[in-house]
Structures are given as C-alpha cells and as structure tokens.
Amino acid sequence: LSDVDAIAAGVFTTSQVRAACVEYCR
C-alpha cells in the first residue's frame, strides 16, 4: 500500500492462457 498515488508500470506473462488478475492489471 502506498500512502499516495504512485506511478505504476507492469510486465506480464506472454502466455495465451492468462490469469484473470493478469488481464485485470493489463
């Protein structure tokens, strides 16, 4: 948890079968 809004970056699996959380974050 950040006390303030934080800049967010992400790198995720390239699998064609992706978890719900991965799709959500993307």
PDB file of all heavy atoms in Angstrom:
ATOM      1  N   LEU A   1       0.834  -1.197   0.000  1.00  0.00           N
ATOM      2  CA  LEU A   1       0.000   0.000   0.000  1.00  0.00           C
ATOM      3  C   LEU A   1       0.869   1.248   0.000  1.00  0.00           C
ATOM      4  O   LEU A   1       1.752   1.396   0.846  1.00  0.00           O
ATOM      5  CB  LEU A   1      -0.900  -0.017   1.234  1.00  0.00           C
ATOM      6  CG  LEU A   1      -1.888   1.124   1.443  1.00  0.00           C
ATOM      7  CD1 LEU A   1      -2.901   1.176   0.306  1.00  0.00           C
ATOM      8  CD2 LEU A   1      -2.603   0.950   2.790  1.00  0.00           C
ATOM      9  N   SER A   2       0.628   2.130  -0.964  1.00  0.00           N
ATOM     10  CA  SER A   2       1.315   3.423  -0.990  1.00  0.00           C
ATOM     11  C   SER A   2       0.433   4.470  -0.316  1.00  0.00           C
ATOM     12  O   SER A   2      -0.789   4.490  -0.511  1.00  0.00           O
ATOM     13  CB  SER A   2       1.610   3.851  -2.430  1.00  0.00           C
ATOM     14  OG  SER A   2       2.172   5.154  -2.457  1.00  0.00           O
ATOM     15  N   ASP A   3       1.057   5.341   0.467  1.00  0.00           N
ATOM     16  CA  ASP A   3       0.305   6.389   1.159  1.00  0.00           C
ATOM     17  C   ASP A   3      -0.310   7.392   0.180  1.00  0.00           C
ATOM     18  O   ASP A   3      -1.289   8.065   0.515  1.00  0.00           O
ATOM     19  CB  ASP A   3       1.215   7.136   2.147  1.00  0.00           C
ATOM     20  CG  ASP A   3       1.674   6.240   3.295  1.00  0.00           C
ATOM     21  OD1 ASP A   3       1.039   5.200   3.528  1.00  0.00           O
ATOM     22  OD2 ASP A   3       2.681   6.593   3.949  1.00  0.00           O
ATOM     23  N   VAL A   4       0.282   7.487  -0.993  1.00  0.00           N
ATOM     24  CA  VAL A   4      -0.211   8.414  -2.025  1.00  0.00           C
ATOM     25  C   VAL A   4      -0.281   7.681  -3.355  1.00  0.00           C
ATOM     26  O   VAL A   4       0.252   6.576  -3.496  1.00  0.00           O
ATOM     27  CB  VAL A   4       0.724   9.649  -2.163  1.00  0.00           C
ATOM     28  CG1 VAL A   4       0.764  10.444  -0.868  1.00  0.00           C
ATOM     29  CG2 VAL A   4       2.137   9.214  -2.567  1.00  0.00           C
ATOM     30  N   ASP A   5      -0.943   8.281  -4.346  1.00  0.00           N
ATOM     31  CA  ASP A   5      -0.968   7.679  -5.681  1.00  0.00           C
ATOM     32  C   ASP A   5       0.461   7.484  -6.194  1.00  0.00           C
ATOM     33  O   ASP A   5       1.300   8.383  -6.065  1.00  0.00           O
ATOM     34  CB  ASP A   5      -1.726   8.583  -6.665  1.00  0.00           C
ATOM     35  CG  ASP A   5      -3.230   8.413  -6.542  1.00  0.00           C
ATOM     36  OD1 ASP A   5      -3.667   7.420  -5.947  1.00  0.00           O
ATOM     37  OD2 ASP A   5      -3.963   9.298  -7.037  1.00  0.00           O
ATOM     38  N   ALA A   6       0.723   6.317  -6.762  1.00  0.00           N
ATOM     39  CA  ALA A   6       2.049   6.005  -7.289  1.00  0.00           C
ATOM     40  C   ALA A   6       1.962   5.725  -8.784  1.00  0.00           C
ATOM     41  O   ALA A   6       0.981   5.137  -9.258  1.00  0.00           O
ATOM     42  CB  ALA A   6       2.630   4.790  -6.566  1.00  0.00           C
ATOM     43  N   ILE A   7       2.996   6.142  -9.509  1.00  0.00           N
ATOM     44  CA  ILE A   7       3.115   5.748 -10.912  1.00  0.00           C
ATOM     45  C   ILE A   7       3.295   4.233 -10.946  1.00  0.00           C
ATOM     46  O   ILE A   7       4.079   3.677 -10.175  1.00  0.00           O
ATOM     47  CB  ILE A   7       4.325   6.447 -11.572  1.00  0.00           C
ATOM     48  CG1 ILE A   7       4.123   7.966 -11.584  1.00  0.00           C
ATOM     49  CG2 ILE A   7       4.561   5.917 -12.984  1.00  0.00           C
ATOM     50  CD1 ILE A   7       2.920   8.417 -12.380  1.00  0.00           C
ATOM     51  N   ALA A   8       2.560   3.565 -11.827  1.00  0.00           N
ATOM     52  CA  ALA A   8       2.606   2.103 -11.886  1.00  0.00           C
ATOM     53  C   ALA A   8       3.038   1.630 -13.261  1.00  0.00           C
ATOM     54  O   ALA A   8       2.582   2.152 -14.283  1.00  0.00           O
ATOM     55  CB  ALA A   8       1.236   1.518 -11.535  1.00  0.00           C
ATOM     56  N   ALA A   9       3.927   0.648 -13.278  1.00  0.00           N
ATOM     57  CA  ALA A   9       4.356   0.002 -14.518  1.00  0.00           C
ATOM     58  C   ALA A   9       4.230  -1.499 -14.321  1.00  0.00           C
ATOM     59  O   ALA A   9       4.326  -2.006 -13.194  1.00  0.00           O
ATOM     60  CB  ALA A   9       5.793   0.381 -14.859  1.00  0.00           C
ATOM     61  N   GLY A  10       4.012  -2.223 -15.405  1.00  0.00           N
ATOM     62  CA  GLY A  10       3.850  -3.665 -15.294  1.00  0.00           C
ATOM     63  C   GLY A  10       4.403  -4.412 -16.484  1.00  0.00           C
ATOM     64  O   GLY A  10       4.432  -3.889 -17.610  1.00  0.00           O
ATOM     65  N   VAL A  11       4.874  -5.625 -16.231  1.00  0.00           N
ATOM     66  CA  VAL A  11       5.286  -6.559 -17.277  1.00  0.00           C
ATOM     67  C   VAL A  11       4.625  -7.889 -16.932  1.00  0.00           C
ATOM     68  O   VAL A  11       4.703  -8.345 -15.789  1.00  0.00           O
ATOM     69  CB  VAL A  11       6.818  -6.715 -17.328  1.00  0.00           C
ATOM     70  CG1 VAL A  11       7.208  -7.693 -18.430  1.00  0.00           C
ATOM     71  CG2 VAL A  11       7.502  -5.364 -17.566  1.00  0.00           C
ATOM     72  N   PHE A  12       3.976  -8.514 -17.916  1.00  0.00           N
ATOM     73  CA  PHE A  12       3.143  -9.678 -17.629  1.00  0.00           C
ATOM     74  C   PHE A  12       3.469 -10.846 -18.554  1.00  0.00           C
ATOM     75  O   PHE A  12       4.148 -10.686 -19.563  1.00  0.00           O
ATOM     76  CB  PHE A  12       1.660  -9.312 -17.771  1.00  0.00           C
ATOM     77  CG  PHE A  12       1.249  -8.168 -16.880  1.00  0.00           C
ATOM     78  CD1 PHE A  12       1.192  -6.875 -17.383  1.00  0.00           C
ATOM     79  CD2 PHE A  12       0.959  -8.385 -15.547  1.00  0.00           C
ATOM     80  CE1 PHE A  12       0.834  -5.807 -16.565  1.00  0.00           C
ATOM     81  CE2 PHE A  12       0.600  -7.323 -14.723  1.00  0.00           C
ATOM     82  CZ  PHE A  12       0.536  -6.042 -15.228  1.00  0.00           C
ATOM     83  N   THR A  13       2.948 -12.027 -18.198  1.00  0.00           N
ATOM     84  CA  THR A  13       3.166 -13.228 -18.992  1.00  0.00           C
ATOM     85  C   THR A  13       2.738 -13.008 -20.447  1.00  0.00           C
ATOM     86  O   THR A  13       1.779 -12.279 -20.724  1.00  0.00           O
ATOM     87  CB  THR A  13       2.398 -14.426 -18.403  1.00  0.00           C
ATOM     88  OG1 THR A  13       2.714 -15.601 -19.163  1.00  0.00           O
ATOM     89  CG2 THR A  13       0.889 -14.219 -18.425  1.00  0.00           C
ATOM     90  N   THR A  14       3.445 -13.663 -21.362  1.00  0.00           N
ATOM     91  CA  THR A  14       3.049 -13.632 -22.773  1.00  0.00           C
ATOM     92  C   THR A  14       2.272 -14.889 -23.152  1.00  0.00           C
ATOM     93  O   THR A  14       1.945 -15.092 -24.321  1.00  0.00           O
ATOM     94  CB  THR A  14       4.283 -13.505 -23.689  1.00  0.00           C
ATOM     95  OG1 THR A  14       5.183 -14.577 -23.393  1.00  0.00           O
ATOM     96  CG2 THR A  14       4.993 -12.181 -23.480  1.00  0.00           C
ATOM     97  N   SER A  15       1.993 -15.723 -22.170  1.00  0.00           N
ATOM     98  CA  SER A  15       1.196 -16.928 -22.432  1.00  0.00           C
ATOM     99  C   SER A  15      -0.183 -16.540 -22.973  1.00  0.00           C
ATOM    100  O   SER A  15      -0.754 -15.522 -22.588  1.00  0.00           O
ATOM    101  CB  SER A  15       1.029 -17.730 -21.136  1.00  0.00           C
ATOM    102  OG  SER A  15       0.094 -18.783 -21.321  1.00  0.00           O
ATOM    103  N   GLN A  16      -0.721 -17.374 -23.853  1.00  0.00           N
ATOM    104  CA  GLN A  16      -2.073 -17.153 -24.367  1.00  0.00           C
ATOM    105  C   GLN A  16      -3.134 -17.527 -23.336  1.00  0.00           C
ATOM    106  O   GLN A  16      -4.294 -17.150 -23.466  1.00  0.00           O
ATOM    107  CB  GLN A  16      -2.292 -17.949 -25.661  1.00  0.00           C
ATOM    108  CG  GLN A  16      -1.413 -17.489 -26.814  1.00  0.00           C
ATOM    109  CD  GLN A  16      -1.629 -16.021 -27.141  1.00  0.00           C
ATOM    110  OE1 GLN A  16      -2.746 -15.590 -27.430  1.00  0.00           O
ATOM    111  NE2 GLN A  16      -0.553 -15.238 -27.086  1.00  0.00           N
ATOM    112  N   VAL A  17      -2.735 -18.308 -22.338  1.00  0.00           N
ATOM    113  CA  VAL A  17      -3.636 -18.642 -21.232  1.00  0.00           C
ATOM    114  C   VAL A  17      -3.208 -17.775 -20.047  1.00  0.00           C
ATOM    115  O   VAL A  17      -2.200 -18.040 -19.408  1.00  0.00           O
ATOM    116  CB  VAL A  17      -3.558 -20.137 -20.867  1.00  0.00           C
ATOM    117  CG1 VAL A  17      -4.516 -20.461 -19.716  1.00  0.00           C
ATOM    118  CG2 VAL A  17      -3.883 -20.997 -22.077  1.00  0.00           C
ATOM    119  N   ARG A  18      -3.968 -16.716 -19.800  1.00  0.00           N
ATOM    120  CA  ARG A  18      -3.581 -15.737 -18.787  1.00  0.00           C
ATOM    121  C   ARG A  18      -4.595 -15.702 -17.656  1.00  0.00           C
ATOM    122  O   ARG A  18      -5.809 -15.774 -17.888  1.00  0.00           O
ATOM    123  CB  ARG A  18      -3.463 -14.338 -19.411  1.00  0.00           C
ATOM    124  CG  ARG A  18      -2.312 -14.213 -20.401  1.00  0.00           C
ATOM    125  CD  ARG A  18      -2.180 -12.797 -20.902  1.00  0.00           C
ATOM    126  NE  ARG A  18      -3.262 -12.428 -21.815  1.00  0.00           N
ATOM    127  CZ  ARG A  18      -3.225 -12.593 -23.134  1.00  0.00           C
ATOM    128  NH1 ARG A  18      -2.162 -13.127 -23.702  1.00  0.00           N
ATOM    129  NH2 ARG A  18      -4.248 -12.218 -23.878  1.00  0.00           N
ATOM    130  N   ALA A  19      -4.085 -15.554 -16.447  1.00  0.00           N
ATOM    131  CA  ALA A  19      -4.952 -15.497 -15.271  1.00  0.00           C
ATOM    132  C   ALA A  19      -5.809 -14.241 -15.299  1.00  0.00           C
ATOM    133  O   ALA A  19      -5.456 -13.234 -15.915  1.00  0.00           O
ATOM    134  CB  ALA A  19      -4.115 -15.526 -14.001  1.00  0.00           C
ATOM    135  N   ALA A  20      -6.930 -14.297 -14.572  1.00  0.00           N
ATOM    136  CA  ALA A  20      -7.847 -13.155 -14.520  1.00  0.00           C
ATOM    137  C   ALA A  20      -7.162 -11.909 -13.984  1.00  0.00           C
ATOM    138  O   ALA A  20      -7.400 -10.794 -14.472  1.00  0.00           O
ATOM    139  CB  ALA A  20      -9.050 -13.508 -13.646  1.00  0.00           C
ATOM    140  N   CYS A  21      -6.275 -12.077 -12.990  1.00  0.00           N
ATOM    141  CA  CYS A  21      -5.595 -10.913 -12.419  1.00  0.00           C
ATOM    142  C   CYS A  21      -4.660 -10.253 -13.430  1.00  0.00           C
ATOM    143  O   CYS A  21      -4.498  -9.023 -13.424  1.00  0.00           O
ATOM    144  CB  CYS A  21      -4.821 -11.313 -11.164  1.00  0.00           C
ATOM    145  SG  CYS A  21      -3.628 -12.633 -11.437  1.00  0.00           S
ATOM    146  N   VAL A  22      -4.053 -11.060 -14.308  1.00  0.00           N
ATOM    147  CA  VAL A  22      -3.172 -10.506 -15.335  1.00  0.00           C
ATOM    148  C   VAL A  22      -3.974  -9.644 -16.311  1.00  0.00           C
ATOM    149  O   VAL A  22      -3.592  -8.509 -16.631  1.00  0.00           O
ATOM    150  CB  VAL A  22      -2.426 -11.634 -16.084  1.00  0.00           C
ATOM    151  CG1 VAL A  22      -1.712 -11.094 -17.323  1.00  0.00           C
ATOM    152  CG2 VAL A  22      -1.430 -12.314 -15.150  1.00  0.00           C
ATOM    153  N   GLU A  23      -5.094 -10.165 -16.780  1.00  0.00           N
ATOM    154  CA  GLU A  23      -5.941  -9.393 -17.692  1.00  0.00           C
ATOM    155  C   GLU A  23      -6.453  -8.123 -17.009  1.00  0.00           C
ATOM    156  O   GLU A  23      -6.493  -7.041 -17.612  1.00  0.00           O
ATOM    157  CB  GLU A  23      -7.121 -10.251 -18.165  1.00  0.00           C
ATOM    158  CG  GLU A  23      -6.710 -11.433 -19.026  1.00  0.00           C
ATOM    159  CD  GLU A  23      -6.150 -11.018 -20.385  1.00  0.00           C
ATOM    160  OE1 GLU A  23      -6.095  -9.818 -20.682  1.00  0.00           O
ATOM    161  OE2 GLU A  23      -5.752 -11.902 -21.146  1.00  0.00           O
ATOM    162  N   TYR A  24      -6.823  -8.258 -15.741  1.00  0.00           N
ATOM    163  CA  TYR A  24      -7.322  -7.108 -14.988  1.00  0.00           C
ATOM    164  C   TYR A  24      -6.247  -6.014 -14.911  1.00  0.00           C
ATOM    165  O   TYR A  24      -6.524  -4.837 -15.189  1.00  0.00           O
ATOM    166  CB  TYR A  24      -7.731  -7.557 -13.583  1.00  0.00           C
ATOM    167  CG  TYR A  24      -8.114  -6.425 -12.662  1.00  0.00           C
ATOM    168  CD1 TYR A  24      -9.412  -5.935 -12.618  1.00  0.00           C
ATOM    169  CD2 TYR A  24      -7.152  -5.834 -11.836  1.00  0.00           C
ATOM    170  CE1 TYR A  24      -9.757  -4.886 -11.772  1.00  0.00           C
ATOM    171  CE2 TYR A  24      -7.489  -4.778 -10.993  1.00  0.00           C
ATOM    172  CZ  TYR A  24      -8.779  -4.313 -10.972  1.00  0.00           C
ATOM    173  OH  TYR A  24      -9.103  -3.274 -10.145  1.00  0.00           O
ATOM    174  N   CYS A  25      -5.026  -6.376 -14.546  1.00  0.00           N
ATOM    175  CA  CYS A  25      -3.954  -5.383 -14.408  1.00  0.00           C
ATOM    176  C   CYS A  25      -3.583  -4.755 -15.745  1.00  0.00           C
ATOM    177  O   CYS A  25      -3.350  -3.541 -15.830  1.00  0.00           O
ATOM    178  CB  CYS A  25      -2.717  -6.023 -13.777  1.00  0.00           C
ATOM    179  SG  CYS A  25      -2.883  -6.372 -12.024  1.00  0.00           S
ATOM    180  N   ARG A  26      -3.531  -5.573 -16.777  1.00  0.00           N
ATOM    181  CA  ARG A  26      -3.211  -5.020 -18.106  1.00  0.00           C
ATOM    182  C   ARG A  26      -4.237  -3.976 -18.515  1.00  0.00           C
ATOM    183  O   ARG A  26      -3.877  -2.907 -19.042  1.00  0.00           O
ATOM    184  CB  ARG A  26      -3.157  -6.156 -19.140  1.00  0.00           C
ATOM    185  CG  ARG A  26      -1.871  -6.968 -19.063  1.00  0.00           C
ATOM    186  CD  ARG A  26      -1.957  -8.290 -19.790  1.00  0.00           C
ATOM    187  NE  ARG A  26      -2.449  -8.174 -21.158  1.00  0.00           N
ATOM    188  CZ  ARG A  26      -1.916  -8.809 -22.199  1.00  0.00           C
ATOM    189  NH1 ARG A  26      -0.868  -9.584 -22.011  1.00  0.00           N
ATOM    190  NH2 ARG A  26      -2.425  -8.705 -23.383  1.00  0.00           N
TER     191      ARG A  26
END
